[in-house]
Protein backbone atom coordinates (compact mmCIF):
# COMPACT_ATOMS: atom_id res chain seq x y z
CA MET A 1 0.15 -21.02 -40.70
CA LEU A 2 -0.53 -24.59 -39.06
CA THR A 3 2.31 -23.56 -36.55
CA ALA A 4 0.96 -20.27 -35.80
CA LEU A 5 -2.62 -21.95 -34.89
CA GLY A 6 -0.75 -24.52 -32.65
CA ALA A 7 0.89 -21.79 -31.33
CA VAL A 8 -2.74 -19.91 -30.74
CA VAL A 9 -4.17 -23.61 -29.48
CA THR A 10 -1.34 -23.78 -26.61
CA VAL A 11 -2.22 -20.54 -25.77
CA ALA A 12 -5.75 -20.87 -25.70
CA LEU A 13 -5.64 -24.79 -23.59
CA GLY A 14 -3.00 -23.47 -21.18
CA ALA A 15 -5.03 -20.58 -20.02
CA ALA A 16 -8.20 -22.62 -19.82
CA ALA A 17 -6.96 -25.85 -19.09
CA TRP A 18 -9.36 -27.49 -21.23
CA ALA A 19 -6.82 -30.12 -22.21
CA SER A 20 -10.34 -32.31 -22.90
CA VAL A 21 -11.29 -30.30 -25.59
CA THR A 22 -8.05 -30.19 -27.57
CA LEU A 23 -9.03 -32.43 -30.30
CA GLY A 24 -12.30 -30.49 -30.95
CA LEU A 25 -10.16 -26.72 -30.58
CA LEU A 26 -7.66 -27.34 -33.06
CA ALA A 27 -10.18 -28.71 -35.51
CA ALA A 28 -11.95 -25.94 -34.94
CA LEU A 29 -8.88 -23.86 -35.86
CA LEU A 30 -8.52 -26.13 -38.52
CA ILE A 31 -10.76 -24.41 -40.04
CA ALA A 32 -9.58 -20.77 -40.71
CA ALA A 33 -6.41 -22.54 -41.78
CA GLU A 34 -8.83 -24.22 -44.43
CA LEU A 35 -10.65 -21.17 -45.46
CA TYR A 36 -7.78 -18.70 -45.27
CA SER A 37 -5.70 -19.47 -48.65
CA GLY A 38 -1.80 -17.86 -48.09
CA ARG A 39 -2.11 -16.89 -51.89
CA GLY A 40 -5.04 -14.84 -53.82
CA ASP A 41 -8.02 -13.64 -53.06
CA TRP A 42 -11.37 -15.08 -50.87
CA ARG A 43 -13.98 -17.26 -52.97
CA ALA A 44 -17.66 -17.23 -51.74
CA GLU A 45 -17.79 -20.96 -53.16
CA ARG A 46 -14.47 -21.91 -51.34
CA LEU A 47 -16.12 -20.67 -48.15
CA ALA A 48 -19.39 -22.57 -48.72
CA ALA A 49 -17.38 -25.91 -49.55
CA GLU A 50 -15.21 -25.78 -46.74
CA GLU A 51 -17.89 -24.39 -43.88
CA SER A 52 -19.79 -27.37 -45.32
CA ARG A 53 -17.02 -29.75 -44.86
CA TYR A 54 -15.55 -29.09 -41.11
CA ARG A 55 -19.37 -27.99 -39.73
CA PHE A 56 -19.87 -31.04 -37.72
CA VAL A 57 -16.41 -30.63 -35.55
CA ALA A 58 -16.77 -27.01 -34.90
CA GLU A 59 -20.54 -27.80 -33.71
CA GLN A 60 -18.39 -29.47 -31.38
CA ALA A 61 -15.63 -27.09 -30.31
CA PRO A 62 -16.97 -25.27 -27.17
CA VAL A 63 -14.82 -21.95 -28.57
CA ILE A 64 -16.26 -19.18 -31.25
CA ALA A 65 -13.67 -20.20 -34.18
CA TYR A 66 -12.52 -17.04 -36.11
CA LEU A 67 -11.08 -15.54 -39.36
CA ALA A 68 -11.46 -11.74 -39.44
CA GLU A 69 -10.00 -8.42 -41.10
CA PRO A 70 -8.52 -6.37 -38.28
CA GLY A 71 -10.25 -3.20 -36.95
CA GLU A 72 -13.43 -1.64 -35.18
CA LYS A 73 -15.55 -2.54 -38.13
CA ALA A 74 -14.29 -5.60 -39.17
CA ARG A 75 -15.60 -8.13 -41.97
CA TRP A 76 -16.19 -11.82 -40.36
CA HIS A 77 -15.13 -14.19 -42.91
CA TYR A 78 -15.74 -16.65 -40.95
CA VAL A 79 -17.56 -17.11 -37.88
CA SER A 80 -18.50 -20.84 -36.29
CA PRO A 81 -21.62 -21.93 -34.76
CA HIS A 82 -20.55 -21.37 -31.21
CA ILE A 83 -21.12 -18.23 -31.08
CA THR A 84 -25.02 -18.32 -31.11
CA THR A 85 -24.69 -20.07 -28.02
CA MET A 86 -22.20 -17.70 -26.12
CA LEU A 87 -23.33 -15.01 -27.77
CA GLY A 88 -27.06 -15.09 -29.22
CA PHE A 89 -25.81 -14.10 -32.37
CA THR A 90 -25.72 -16.46 -35.25
CA PRO A 91 -22.85 -17.10 -37.84
CA GLN A 92 -25.18 -14.81 -40.43
CA GLU A 93 -26.04 -11.79 -38.04
CA TRP A 94 -22.29 -11.49 -37.33
CA ARG A 95 -20.61 -11.44 -40.76
CA GLU A 96 -23.21 -9.07 -42.54
CA ASP A 97 -22.79 -6.48 -39.62
CA PRO A 98 -19.14 -4.92 -39.68
CA GLY A 99 -20.02 -2.97 -36.67
CA LEU A 100 -21.60 -6.13 -34.23
CA TRP A 101 -18.22 -6.82 -32.63
CA ARG A 102 -17.69 -3.17 -31.96
CA ARG A 103 -20.99 -2.90 -29.90
CA GLN A 104 -21.20 -5.99 -28.05
CA VAL A 105 -17.74 -5.08 -26.71
CA HIS A 106 -17.46 -3.10 -23.49
CA PRO A 107 -16.64 0.27 -24.44
CA ASP A 108 -14.08 0.46 -21.42
CA ASP A 109 -12.26 -2.47 -23.51
CA VAL A 110 -12.36 -1.46 -26.96
CA ALA A 111 -9.47 -0.22 -27.05
CA LEU A 112 -7.11 -2.73 -25.36
CA ALA A 113 -8.87 -5.36 -27.55
CA ILE A 114 -7.72 -3.54 -30.75
CA SER A 115 -4.67 -2.59 -29.40
CA ASP A 116 -3.96 -6.20 -28.93
CA GLU A 117 -4.57 -7.23 -32.05
CA ARG A 118 -2.46 -4.93 -33.37
CA ARG A 119 0.10 -6.41 -31.60
CA ALA A 120 -0.50 -9.71 -32.43
CA LEU A 121 -0.30 -9.00 -36.49
CA ARG A 122 2.90 -7.03 -35.50
CA SER A 123 4.56 -9.77 -33.95
CA GLY A 124 3.36 -13.15 -36.02
CA GLU A 125 2.99 -14.83 -32.55
CA PRO A 126 -0.29 -15.37 -30.16
CA ASN A 127 -1.52 -12.27 -28.53
CA ALA A 128 -5.09 -13.28 -25.47
CA THR A 129 -6.52 -10.58 -24.40
CA ASP A 130 -9.36 -10.74 -22.10
CA TYR A 131 -12.32 -8.14 -22.25
CA ARG A 132 -16.45 -7.85 -21.72
CA MET A 133 -18.50 -8.88 -23.74
CA ARG A 134 -22.21 -8.14 -24.02
CA THR A 135 -24.95 -11.01 -25.25
CA LYS A 136 -27.19 -10.68 -27.50
CA SER A 137 -29.67 -10.51 -24.71
CA GLY A 138 -27.96 -8.06 -22.51
CA GLU A 139 -25.92 -10.28 -20.23
CA GLU A 140 -22.14 -9.18 -19.52
CA ILE A 141 -19.57 -11.79 -19.94
CA TRP A 142 -15.96 -12.21 -19.96
CA VAL A 143 -13.91 -13.58 -22.74
CA ARG A 144 -10.45 -14.32 -23.40
CA ASP A 145 -9.45 -13.92 -27.59
CA VAL A 146 -6.88 -15.56 -28.26
CA ALA A 147 -5.26 -14.88 -31.80
CA VAL A 148 -2.52 -14.72 -33.97
CA GLY A 149 -2.35 -12.36 -36.71
CA LEU A 150 -0.99 -12.79 -40.32
CA THR A 151 0.02 -10.64 -43.27
CA GLU A 152 0.17 -11.80 -47.47
CA GLY A 153 1.36 -8.41 -48.86
CA GLU A 154 -0.70 -5.72 -47.87
CA GLU A 155 -3.39 -7.90 -47.09
CA GLU A 156 -3.98 -8.29 -42.89
CA ILE A 157 -5.96 -11.06 -41.18
CA THR A 158 -6.63 -12.49 -37.38
CA GLN A 159 -7.44 -15.64 -37.06
CA GLY A 160 -7.97 -17.52 -33.35
CA VAL A 161 -10.43 -18.69 -30.97
CA ILE A 162 -13.19 -16.56 -28.99
CA TYR A 163 -14.11 -18.56 -25.34
CA ASP A 164 -16.02 -17.36 -22.03
CA ILE A 165 -14.09 -17.19 -18.94
CA THR A 166 -16.83 -15.50 -17.13
CA ALA A 167 -16.69 -18.34 -14.26
CA LEU A 168 -13.00 -17.80 -14.21
CA LYS A 169 -13.53 -14.09 -13.72
CA ARG A 170 -15.54 -14.84 -11.03
CA ALA A 171 -13.82 -17.03 -9.15
CA GLU A 172 -10.95 -14.89 -9.75
CA GLU A 173 -12.46 -11.82 -8.13
CA GLY A 174 -13.86 -14.46 -5.47
CA LEU A 175 -10.62 -14.79 -4.22
CA ARG A 176 -9.48 -11.61 -4.65
CA THR A 177 -12.34 -10.72 -2.29
CA ARG A 178 -11.41 -13.36 0.67
CA GLU A 179 -7.72 -12.41 0.00
CA ARG A 180 -9.09 -8.88 0.87
CA MET A 181 -11.08 -9.90 3.94
CA LEU A 182 -7.77 -11.81 4.70
CA GLN A 183 -5.52 -8.62 4.62
CA GLY A 184 -8.10 -6.77 6.82
CA VAL A 185 -8.55 -9.89 9.58
CA VAL A 186 -4.13 -10.00 9.37
CA GLY A 187 -4.07 -6.40 9.47
CA GLU A 188 -6.38 -5.94 12.37
CA ARG A 189 -4.99 -8.77 14.49
CA THR A 190 -1.48 -6.31 13.68
CA ARG A 191 -3.20 -3.68 14.98
CA GLU A 192 -4.08 -5.44 18.14
CA LEU A 193 -1.01 -6.73 18.81
CA GLU A 194 0.72 -3.67 18.07
CA ARG A 195 -1.81 -1.60 20.61
CA SER A 196 -0.84 -4.63 22.86
CA ARG A 197 2.61 -3.87 22.82
CA LEU A 198 2.50 0.12 23.15
CA GLU A 199 0.07 -0.45 26.07
CA THR A 200 3.01 -2.59 27.58
CA LEU A 201 5.38 -0.45 27.03
CA GLN A 202 3.75 2.47 27.93
CA ARG A 203 3.72 0.71 31.66
CA LEU A 204 7.30 -0.10 31.24
CA ALA A 205 7.67 4.14 31.09
CA VAL A 206 5.77 4.02 34.45
CA ALA A 207 7.78 1.54 35.75
CA ALA A 208 10.84 3.57 34.45
CA GLU A 209 9.79 6.60 36.17
CA LEU A 210 9.45 4.90 39.57
CA HIS A 211 12.73 3.30 38.80
CA GLU A 212 13.79 7.13 39.52
CA LYS A 213 11.81 8.00 42.46
CA GLY A 214 9.97 11.74 42.62
CA THR A 215 9.06 11.79 39.02
CA HIS A 216 5.52 10.49 39.10
CA GLU A 217 3.29 11.71 35.83
CA HIS A 218 6.16 12.69 34.51
CA THR A 219 6.00 10.39 31.15
CA VAL A 220 2.36 11.56 31.02
CA ARG A 221 2.71 15.32 31.41
CA VAL A 222 5.86 15.07 29.15
CA GLY A 223 3.02 13.13 26.01
CA ARG A 224 0.79 16.31 26.72
CA THR A 225 3.31 18.91 26.46
CA SER A 226 5.02 17.25 23.32
CA ALA A 227 1.38 17.05 21.78
CA ALA A 228 0.34 20.64 22.24
CA ILE A 229 3.84 21.92 21.04
CA ALA A 230 3.59 20.10 17.79
CA ASN A 231 -0.40 22.08 17.85
CA GLU A 232 1.34 24.93 17.91
CA LEU A 233 3.73 24.65 15.70
CA GLY A 234 0.56 23.58 12.98
CA LEU A 235 2.33 20.24 12.53
CA SER A 236 -0.34 17.54 10.97
CA GLU A 237 -2.93 16.44 13.36
CA GLY A 238 -2.12 12.97 13.08
CA PHE A 239 1.90 13.86 14.38
CA VAL A 240 0.33 15.34 17.41
CA GLU A 241 -1.64 12.52 18.29
CA LEU A 242 1.76 10.56 17.42
CA ILE A 243 3.95 12.35 19.79
CA GLY A 244 1.44 12.26 22.30
CA GLN A 245 1.59 8.73 22.21
CA ALA A 246 5.74 8.60 21.75
CA ALA A 247 6.79 11.17 23.66
CA PRO A 248 6.17 9.22 27.12
CA LEU A 249 8.41 6.54 26.14
CA HIS A 250 11.49 8.67 26.12
CA ASP A 251 12.84 8.09 29.13
CA ILE A 252 12.27 4.22 29.04
CA GLY A 253 15.82 3.36 28.85
CA LYS A 254 16.18 4.49 32.34
CA LEU A 255 15.21 0.86 33.48
CA GLY A 256 18.90 -0.34 32.07
CA VAL A 257 20.34 2.60 34.71
CA SER A 258 20.99 1.53 38.08
CA GLU A 259 19.03 2.98 41.04
CA GLU A 260 22.50 4.16 42.40
CA VAL A 261 23.10 6.22 39.65
CA LEU A 262 19.52 7.43 39.21
CA LEU A 263 19.23 8.29 42.55
CA GLN A 264 22.26 9.92 43.22
CA PRO A 265 22.11 13.01 45.66
CA THR A 266 24.89 14.89 44.36
CA GLU A 267 26.51 15.41 41.09
CA LEU A 268 27.32 12.78 38.60
CA SER A 269 30.78 11.88 38.03
CA GLU A 270 31.96 11.26 34.65
CA SER A 271 31.61 7.46 34.47
CA GLU A 272 28.09 7.95 36.28
CA MET A 273 27.10 10.52 33.39
CA GLU A 274 27.96 8.39 30.40
CA THR A 275 26.00 5.49 32.16
CA MET A 276 23.03 8.26 32.78
CA GLN A 277 23.41 9.20 29.06
CA GLN A 278 23.47 5.25 27.70
CA HIS A 279 19.66 5.62 28.80
CA THR A 280 19.00 6.95 24.85
CA VAL A 281 20.36 4.93 23.33
CA THR A 282 18.31 1.70 25.93
CA GLY A 283 15.56 3.45 24.86
CA ALA A 284 15.89 2.94 21.30
CA ASP A 285 16.82 -0.40 21.49
CA ILE A 286 13.82 -1.40 23.58
CA LEU A 287 11.46 0.55 21.43
CA GLY A 288 13.03 -0.62 18.23
CA GLY A 289 12.35 -2.79 15.02
CA SER A 290 8.54 -2.11 15.24
CA GLU A 291 6.28 -1.48 12.58
CA ALA A 292 3.54 0.52 14.74
CA PRO A 293 4.36 4.34 13.31
CA SER A 294 3.87 5.52 17.39
CA LEU A 295 6.74 3.35 18.09
CA ARG A 296 9.12 4.26 15.62
CA LEU A 297 8.77 7.98 16.53
CA ALA A 298 8.97 6.64 20.02
CA GLU A 299 12.30 4.84 19.24
CA GLN A 300 13.21 8.08 17.77
CA VAL A 301 12.87 10.32 20.41
CA ALA A 302 13.74 8.18 22.88
CA LEU A 303 17.27 8.36 21.41
CA THR A 304 17.14 11.74 20.15
CA HIS A 305 15.37 13.84 22.72
CA HIS A 306 18.78 14.71 24.70
CA GLU A 307 21.07 15.72 21.30
CA ARG A 308 21.19 19.68 21.64
CA TRP A 309 21.04 22.68 19.15
CA ASP A 310 24.02 23.55 18.99
CA GLY A 311 25.30 20.14 18.54
CA GLU A 312 26.88 19.40 21.99
CA GLY A 313 24.38 17.05 23.11
CA TYR A 314 24.49 13.42 23.12
CA PRO A 315 24.39 10.35 22.10
CA ARG A 316 25.35 11.16 18.44
CA GLY A 317 25.71 15.24 18.79
CA LEU A 318 23.39 15.87 16.31
CA ARG A 319 22.87 19.36 15.23
CA GLY A 320 20.02 22.09 14.69
CA GLU A 321 17.76 20.59 11.74
CA GLU A 322 19.60 17.19 11.77
CA ILE A 323 17.56 16.30 15.39
CA PRO A 324 14.06 15.44 13.90
CA ILE A 325 11.52 17.34 15.03
CA GLY A 326 10.23 14.59 17.50
CA GLY A 327 13.37 14.72 19.47
CA ARG A 328 13.39 18.78 19.24
CA ILE A 329 9.97 19.08 20.67
CA THR A 330 10.53 16.18 23.27
CA MET A 331 13.35 17.81 24.80
CA VAL A 332 11.67 21.32 25.21
CA ALA A 333 9.11 19.48 26.64
CA ASP A 334 10.93 17.55 28.98
CA ALA A 335 13.39 19.66 30.35
CA PHE A 336 10.12 22.14 31.40
CA ASP A 337 8.49 19.00 33.24
CA THR A 338 11.97 18.05 35.01
CA LEU A 339 12.37 21.51 36.22
CA THR A 340 9.12 22.62 37.86
CA HIS A 341 8.83 18.93 39.36
CA GLY A 342 12.18 18.41 40.48
CA ARG A 343 14.61 15.51 40.66
CA PRO A 344 16.21 13.53 43.89
CA ARG A 345 19.36 16.19 42.86
CA PHE A 346 17.50 19.19 43.33
CA GLU A 347 14.45 20.88 44.23
CA PRO A 348 11.68 22.36 42.06
CA TRP A 349 12.21 25.22 40.11
CA THR A 350 9.83 28.25 40.24
CA LEU A 351 7.56 28.49 36.84
CA GLU A 352 9.31 31.79 36.03
CA GLU A 353 12.55 30.49 37.10
CA THR A 354 11.75 27.53 34.68
CA LEU A 355 10.70 29.57 31.41
CA ALA A 356 13.98 31.60 32.30
CA GLU A 357 15.77 28.78 31.55
CA ILE A 358 14.14 27.78 28.17
CA ILE A 359 14.42 31.10 27.18
CA ALA A 360 18.22 30.79 27.95
CA GLY A 361 18.70 27.59 25.67
CA SER A 362 17.20 29.01 22.82
CA GLY A 363 19.29 28.41 19.96
CA THR A 364 22.09 26.51 21.84
CA ARG A 365 20.13 23.74 23.53
CA PHE A 366 16.96 24.04 22.12
CA ASP A 367 15.37 24.92 19.04
CA PRO A 368 14.14 28.22 18.54
CA ALA A 369 11.08 27.69 16.16
CA VAL A 370 10.06 25.08 19.51
CA VAL A 371 10.89 27.85 22.30
CA GLU A 372 8.59 30.15 20.69
CA ALA A 373 5.70 27.87 20.05
CA PHE A 374 6.60 26.51 23.53
CA LEU A 375 6.09 30.19 25.65
CA ARG A 376 2.61 30.67 23.90
CA LEU A 377 1.35 27.59 25.82
CA ALA A 378 -1.10 27.87 28.89
CA HIS A 379 1.98 26.22 31.20
CA ALA A 380 0.26 26.43 34.71
CA GLU A 381 -2.09 24.16 32.50
CA LEU A 382 0.47 21.99 31.41
CA MET A 383 2.08 21.30 35.15
CA ALA A 384 -1.19 19.67 36.28
CA PRO A 385 -1.52 16.51 36.80
CA ILE A 386 -3.07 13.59 34.53
CA ARG A 387 -4.27 10.27 35.50
CA ASP A 388 -6.36 9.20 32.72
CA TRP A 389 -3.76 7.57 29.94
CA SER A 390 -6.43 8.57 27.03
CA ALA A 391 -5.25 12.27 27.86
CA TRP A 392 -1.79 11.64 26.06
CA ARG A 393 -3.46 12.06 23.04
CA THR A 394 -3.88 15.63 23.13
CA THR A 395 -4.71 17.46 20.11
CA ALA A 396 -5.37 20.88 21.23
CA SER A 397 -2.97 23.83 22.37
CA PRO A 398 -4.01 25.38 26.00
CA ARG A 399 -3.21 28.98 25.50
CA VAL A 400 -2.32 31.90 27.44
């Protein structure tokens, strides 16, 4: 039994870091050891004698040392005097009312406390449980109950100590509050950095389109059209906003393509076409590595906005729904804006010619569902100039 009690002492002291009261706590627990005989029945006379014998030591220990039968209505064979200081009850009040412990434990914590008590009985090892209790005056405190279970024949008994850890719990809550505040500050700082990075990349996207003369405002119009298509497809409002931010970055990889190739007034040679196609991979490399949702989507869009529904696109030759929805949407938006505004190699097409070309590409070049959604939009409005960066966050589809 003394070995078991020593283990209780070790757990209790380790948890509370109370090295200064080791002797007092051990003495208080030895009261319980002396009061419980491993064989035979309780004797009231012995209880009185032993309580008197160890009263001085027990009164010095800043814990409630106890010996009790398990259960909601426990019979408390011994309770040390510190119960009056901690909970306001006298040892006699506690011993004479088997249901008092159950009433004073917080209702939400009763099941946990009883479960841990049963665990201590089954294992024979010390078990520490933190739960809330209400004092006699109604104050709520946190306690730590370190107990070990003993079984002799059919008789079960738990012995241990209960001590006040309210200050510890408050300190822990204070630390958690400060941690949450710190996480909030770090999170906001991270968002600020991501917003700054997004703005920098947006400006690089403009630089990329200026690098390819004659495509001014192409990026932001593609963002507006992509957001309108996503909304028409019934995608979430959050995705509509993200695609509005991500799609304008689709051609940022053209910063790595020479003006000689970009401004080639005639059809590109095979080697020049390979160089041009590399802008998808370059763009994904520029945008990669971010935790910001808009930039992760932008990386995906940059890489896949030239993949074709029939698998004949680049750089990976993805087919059908293997192509991410962001890439499929941006491909249609990009084609629409490119054809209606021209490039160094060709003059702008009329709206009718452009729509006919997109319809012809449905099921081969383009996702048919994306084309259907696009055809329901007000195309003249999508061709209108954009001069406000905030317009990238379009959330409503202009309809015919």
